Amino acid sequence: MNYKITTLVENCVYGRKLQAEHGLSLYIETPENRLLFDTGASDLFIRNARLLHIDLQKVDYLVLSHGHSDHTGGLRYFMELNTKATVACKREVFLPKFKDERENGIKHTHSFDLSRFHFIDDLTELVPGVFLFPSVDIIDRRDTHFERFWIQKEEGSKVPDTFSDELAMTLVAPEGLSVLSACSHRGITNILRTVRTVFPGLPCNLLLGGFHIHKAEEFKYKIIADYLHEYLPQKMGVCHCTGVDKYAFFYKEFGDRVFYNHTGNLIQTNSLI
């Protein structure tokens, strides 16, 4: 089974027409459906999609990885453009979020038609071959990325954000898995462990997304790298909050298995085997 993944928005871009921003949005084509994974920080993903001749009005599902503004900033623009797609996410995605004192959550929530939202509580096969993992057990607490992030309770007090709203996506084919994560606040190694528990017999052909270790101490990188020596995907596309600095670390350690997943990049999963 072949999946196509086009990166509509990411922090970096190559070429003259497309643009980049601090955010992430992936367009996914399955044999039967079209999906969007996050919307970046603005409407830029829509402008880039047009340049790439991708019709976002044909998207069946938008999946939100978590409630941060660099992944949901384009939500209202998408819902105006596409009036039929279902938005799949966790209920907690609407919690008021902060990074230090800066508000960092979904904006314009009052304008959304909540009847278009499908809240994910359990492992869900959203469309054939596309699984959403809404519960990531923290097996290795060292690979978590909660520092400086807060959620606001109804009475106004703030508590540490442990990202109960985060979910990951896995594309399943007979020949293997493609695991997609946006920011991996609960840890990419913990996400991979969760996926392996459900699909123990399938190899990981592709690991794609952000690992939230940009500017992190080197030991955070080593925790991930050590696990990948045990369970190394055929290909690994790092981007967004992984940081270009840590991409260089990964490339030095794992060579051509690693690539930087920049704005406009196209991946066809059947070509990875």
Protein backbone atom coordinates (compact mmCIF):
# COMPACT_ATOMS: atom_id res chain seq x y z
CA MET A 1 0.00 0.00 0.00
CA ASN A 2 1.36 3.37 -1.00
CA TYR A 3 0.97 6.59 0.97
CA LYS A 4 2.06 10.02 -0.22
CA ILE A 5 3.08 12.63 2.36
CA THR A 6 3.66 16.23 1.31
CA THR A 7 4.98 18.75 3.81
CA LEU A 8 2.92 21.90 3.28
CA VAL A 9 4.61 23.91 6.04
CA GLU A 10 7.75 23.46 8.09
CA ASN A 11 10.41 25.74 9.55
CA CYS A 12 12.70 25.49 6.49
CA VAL A 13 12.15 25.75 2.76
CA TYR A 14 14.15 25.30 -0.45
CA GLY A 15 13.19 26.96 -3.72
CA ARG A 16 11.82 30.35 -4.63
CA LYS A 17 8.03 30.08 -4.47
CA LEU A 18 7.11 28.16 -1.34
CA GLN A 19 7.45 29.81 2.08
CA ALA A 20 8.26 28.50 5.55
CA GLU A 21 7.19 29.36 9.08
CA HIS A 22 7.66 27.97 12.58
CA GLY A 23 4.99 25.30 12.39
CA LEU A 24 4.06 22.02 10.76
CA SER A 25 1.40 20.78 8.34
CA LEU A 26 1.45 17.48 6.44
CA TYR A 27 -0.85 16.45 3.59
CA ILE A 28 -1.41 12.69 3.35
CA GLU A 29 -2.88 10.76 0.45
CA THR A 30 -3.98 7.18 1.01
CA PRO A 31 -5.43 4.91 -1.69
CA GLU A 32 -8.92 6.00 -0.59
CA ASN A 33 -8.67 9.27 1.35
CA ARG A 34 -6.97 12.62 1.76
CA LEU A 35 -5.96 13.84 5.20
CA LEU A 36 -4.25 16.82 6.77
CA PHE A 37 -2.06 16.50 9.86
CA ASP A 38 -1.97 19.94 11.54
CA THR A 39 -2.32 23.37 9.94
CA GLY A 40 0.85 25.26 10.81
CA ALA A 41 0.73 28.68 12.45
CA SER A 42 -1.25 30.61 9.82
CA ASP A 43 -2.91 30.24 6.42
CA LEU A 44 0.50 29.68 4.80
CA PHE A 45 -0.17 25.96 4.37
CA ILE A 46 -3.10 26.85 2.09
CA ARG A 47 -0.99 29.15 -0.06
CA ASN A 48 1.75 26.53 -0.34
CA ALA A 49 -0.82 23.84 -1.19
CA ARG A 50 -2.06 25.92 -4.12
CA LEU A 51 1.47 26.28 -5.44
CA LEU A 52 1.85 22.49 -5.15
CA HIS A 53 -1.47 21.96 -6.98
CA ILE A 54 -3.07 20.32 -3.93
CA ASP A 55 -6.79 20.91 -3.49
CA LEU A 56 -7.46 21.12 0.24
CA GLN A 57 -11.21 21.28 -0.38
CA LYS A 58 -10.98 17.56 -1.10
CA VAL A 59 -9.50 16.71 2.31
CA ASP A 60 -11.68 14.23 4.23
CA TYR A 61 -10.12 14.58 7.68
CA LEU A 62 -7.98 17.11 9.50
CA VAL A 63 -6.08 15.59 12.42
CA LEU A 64 -4.74 17.89 15.14
CA SER A 65 -1.69 16.54 16.95
CA HIS A 66 -2.04 18.89 19.95
CA GLY A 67 -3.33 22.33 20.80
CA HIS A 68 -0.29 24.57 20.27
CA SER A 69 -0.71 27.57 18.00
CA ASP A 70 2.09 26.59 15.59
CA HIS A 71 0.05 23.47 14.73
CA THR A 72 -3.48 24.90 14.92
CA GLY A 73 -3.04 28.50 13.77
CA GLY A 74 -4.48 27.68 10.36
CA LEU A 75 -7.51 25.81 11.71
CA ARG A 76 -10.09 28.53 11.12
CA TYR A 77 -8.77 29.17 7.60
CA PHE A 78 -9.05 25.48 6.78
CA MET A 79 -12.60 25.23 8.13
CA GLU A 80 -13.62 28.21 6.01
CA LEU A 81 -12.00 26.72 2.91
CA ASN A 82 -13.14 23.14 3.44
CA THR A 83 -16.71 22.92 4.71
CA LYS A 84 -17.02 19.12 4.83
CA ALA A 85 -13.91 17.66 6.46
CA THR A 86 -14.12 16.21 9.96
CA VAL A 87 -11.59 17.45 12.52
CA ALA A 88 -10.18 14.58 14.59
CA CYS A 89 -8.43 15.43 17.85
CA LYS A 90 -8.55 14.92 21.59
CA ARG A 91 -10.97 16.93 23.71
CA GLU A 92 -8.08 18.40 25.67
CA VAL A 93 -6.86 20.20 22.56
CA PHE A 94 -9.02 23.20 23.57
CA LEU A 95 -7.40 23.67 26.99
CA PRO A 96 -5.88 27.18 27.38
CA LYS A 97 -2.15 26.72 26.86
CA PHE A 98 0.86 28.85 27.70
CA LYS A 99 4.60 28.85 27.18
CA ASP A 100 5.87 30.74 30.20
CA GLU A 101 3.54 33.77 30.18
CA ARG A 102 2.76 33.71 26.46
CA GLU A 103 -0.58 32.32 25.37
CA ASN A 104 0.13 29.41 23.06
CA GLY A 105 -3.15 27.58 22.44
CA ILE A 106 -5.90 27.41 19.83
CA LYS A 107 -7.35 30.80 18.93
CA HIS A 108 -10.85 31.76 17.71
CA THR A 109 -12.44 28.73 19.36
CA HIS A 110 -15.79 30.56 19.60
CA SER A 111 -16.09 30.54 15.82
CA PHE A 112 -15.81 26.76 15.34
CA ASP A 113 -18.70 24.47 14.48
CA LEU A 114 -18.14 21.75 17.08
CA SER A 115 -20.38 19.34 15.18
CA ARG A 116 -17.48 18.93 12.76
CA PHE A 117 -15.16 17.66 15.50
CA HIS A 118 -14.62 13.97 16.20
CA PHE A 119 -12.98 13.54 19.61
CA ILE A 120 -10.58 10.61 19.85
CA ASP A 121 -10.41 8.77 23.17
CA ASP A 122 -9.13 5.33 22.14
CA LEU A 123 -6.89 3.84 19.49
CA THR A 124 -8.82 4.58 16.29
CA GLU A 125 -8.54 3.48 12.67
CA LEU A 126 -9.71 6.79 11.22
CA VAL A 127 -9.73 5.56 7.62
CA PRO A 128 -8.40 2.24 6.26
CA GLY A 129 -4.75 1.95 7.23
CA VAL A 130 -4.54 5.21 9.23
CA PHE A 131 -4.44 4.77 13.01
CA LEU A 132 -4.53 7.51 15.63
CA PHE A 133 -2.84 6.92 18.99
CA PRO A 134 -4.38 9.23 21.61
CA SER A 135 -2.71 7.62 24.63
CA VAL A 136 1.08 7.59 24.84
CA ASP A 137 2.35 5.93 28.01
CA ILE A 138 5.47 7.55 29.41
CA ILE A 139 7.84 4.59 29.72
CA ASP A 140 11.01 6.69 29.72
CA ARG A 141 10.31 9.92 31.58
CA ARG A 142 13.65 11.36 30.46
CA ASP A 143 12.23 11.63 26.95
CA THR A 144 9.49 14.12 27.77
CA HIS A 145 9.37 17.76 26.82
CA PHE A 146 7.10 19.61 29.23
CA GLU A 147 9.45 22.34 30.46
CA ARG A 148 8.00 25.89 30.40
CA PHE A 149 4.58 24.71 29.21
CA TRP A 150 1.39 25.28 31.20
CA ILE A 151 -2.36 24.85 30.96
CA GLN A 152 -4.85 27.14 32.66
CA LYS A 153 -7.59 25.68 34.83
CA GLU A 154 -11.11 27.07 34.92
CA GLU A 155 -10.51 29.05 38.11
CA GLY A 156 -7.52 30.73 36.46
CA SER A 157 -4.58 28.94 38.05
CA LYS A 158 -1.90 27.34 35.89
CA VAL A 159 -0.59 23.79 36.17
CA PRO A 160 2.22 22.07 34.25
CA ASP A 161 1.15 20.81 30.82
CA THR A 162 1.82 17.09 30.41
CA PHE A 163 0.17 17.12 26.97
CA SER A 164 -2.83 14.92 27.54
CA ASP A 165 -4.04 16.37 24.22
CA GLU A 166 -1.20 14.90 22.15
CA LEU A 167 -1.77 12.15 19.60
CA ALA A 168 0.35 10.42 16.96
CA MET A 169 -0.56 8.95 13.60
CA THR A 170 0.56 5.65 12.09
CA LEU A 171 0.12 4.60 8.48
CA VAL A 172 -0.06 0.82 8.28
CA ALA A 173 0.80 -1.31 5.26
CA PRO A 174 1.61 -5.02 4.94
CA GLU A 175 5.28 -4.18 4.46
CA GLY A 176 5.58 -1.91 7.50
CA LEU A 177 4.65 1.22 9.44
CA SER A 178 5.06 4.95 8.94
CA VAL A 179 4.92 6.75 12.30
CA LEU A 180 4.10 10.47 12.24
CA SER A 181 4.44 12.77 15.24
CA ALA A 182 4.24 16.53 15.28
CA CYS A 183 6.17 17.58 18.41
CA SER A 184 6.54 14.44 20.55
CA HIS A 185 6.15 16.30 23.84
CA ARG A 186 5.46 12.94 25.50
CA GLY A 187 8.58 11.56 23.84
CA ILE A 188 9.22 10.02 20.43
CA THR A 189 10.67 6.91 22.07
CA ASN A 190 7.49 6.55 24.11
CA ILE A 191 5.40 6.98 20.97
CA LEU A 192 7.38 4.29 19.18
CA ARG A 193 7.02 1.94 22.14
CA THR A 194 3.26 2.50 22.11
CA VAL A 195 3.02 1.80 18.38
CA ARG A 196 5.20 -1.31 18.66
CA THR A 197 2.90 -2.72 21.33
CA VAL A 198 -0.04 -2.56 18.91
CA PHE A 199 1.87 -3.69 15.79
CA PRO A 200 4.67 -5.88 17.17
CA GLY A 201 5.30 -7.78 13.95
CA LEU A 202 5.72 -4.87 11.55
CA PRO A 203 8.97 -2.93 10.98
CA CYS A 204 9.05 0.85 10.99
CA ASN A 205 9.81 1.98 7.45
CA LEU A 206 9.44 5.69 8.21
CA LEU A 207 9.62 7.88 11.30
CA LEU A 208 8.60 11.44 10.51
CA GLY A 209 8.17 14.55 12.60
CA GLY A 210 9.42 16.79 15.36
CA PHE A 211 11.14 15.50 18.49
CA HIS A 212 11.21 18.79 20.45
CA ILE A 213 14.95 18.75 21.19
CA HIS A 214 16.01 21.97 19.47
CA LYS A 215 18.25 23.81 21.96
CA ALA A 216 17.89 20.88 24.39
CA GLU A 217 20.87 19.48 26.21
CA GLU A 218 22.77 16.78 24.33
CA PHE A 219 21.60 14.09 26.76
CA LYS A 220 18.03 14.52 25.42
CA TYR A 221 19.33 13.68 21.95
CA LYS A 222 21.26 10.69 23.29
CA ILE A 223 18.16 9.20 24.91
CA ILE A 224 16.47 9.13 21.50
CA ALA A 225 19.57 8.03 19.60
CA ASP A 226 20.23 5.16 22.01
CA TYR A 227 16.68 3.88 21.54
CA LEU A 228 16.96 4.17 17.76
CA HIS A 229 20.03 1.95 17.81
CA GLU A 230 17.69 -0.70 19.20
CA TYR A 231 14.73 0.06 16.93
CA LEU A 232 15.96 1.95 13.86
CA PRO A 233 13.45 2.92 11.16
CA GLN A 234 14.40 2.36 7.54
CA LYS A 235 14.13 6.12 7.01
CA MET A 236 13.82 8.99 9.47
CA GLY A 237 12.61 12.46 8.47
CA VAL A 238 13.30 15.01 11.18
CA CYS A 239 11.87 18.52 11.12
CA HIS A 240 10.30 21.43 12.97
CA CYS A 241 11.10 21.33 16.70
CA THR A 242 13.85 18.72 16.25
CA GLY A 243 16.07 21.57 15.12
CA VAL A 244 18.58 21.70 12.29
CA ASP A 245 21.31 21.42 14.92
CA LYS A 246 20.01 18.05 16.12
CA TYR A 247 19.40 16.93 12.53
CA ALA A 248 23.15 17.23 12.06
CA PHE A 249 23.65 15.00 15.12
CA PHE A 250 21.27 12.38 13.73
CA TYR A 251 22.86 12.47 10.29
CA LYS A 252 26.32 12.05 11.73
CA GLU A 253 25.17 9.02 13.73
CA PHE A 254 22.77 7.33 11.30
CA GLY A 255 23.92 8.56 7.88
CA ASP A 256 21.65 8.39 4.87
CA ARG A 257 18.81 6.84 6.84
CA VAL A 258 18.12 10.41 8.01
CA PHE A 259 16.81 13.33 5.96
CA TYR A 260 15.49 16.79 6.78
CA ASN A 261 11.78 17.03 6.01
CA HIS A 262 11.52 20.59 4.69
CA THR A 263 8.55 22.51 3.31
CA GLY A 264 7.52 21.06 -0.05
CA ASN A 265 9.13 17.66 0.49
CA LEU A 266 7.24 14.68 -0.99
CA ILE A 267 7.54 11.18 0.46
CA GLN A 268 6.11 8.08 -1.18
CA THR A 269 6.19 5.27 1.32
CA ASN A 270 6.47 2.44 -1.19
CA SER A 271 9.80 3.86 -2.34
CA LEU A 272 11.30 3.59 1.16
CA ILE A 273 11.44 -0.20 1.23
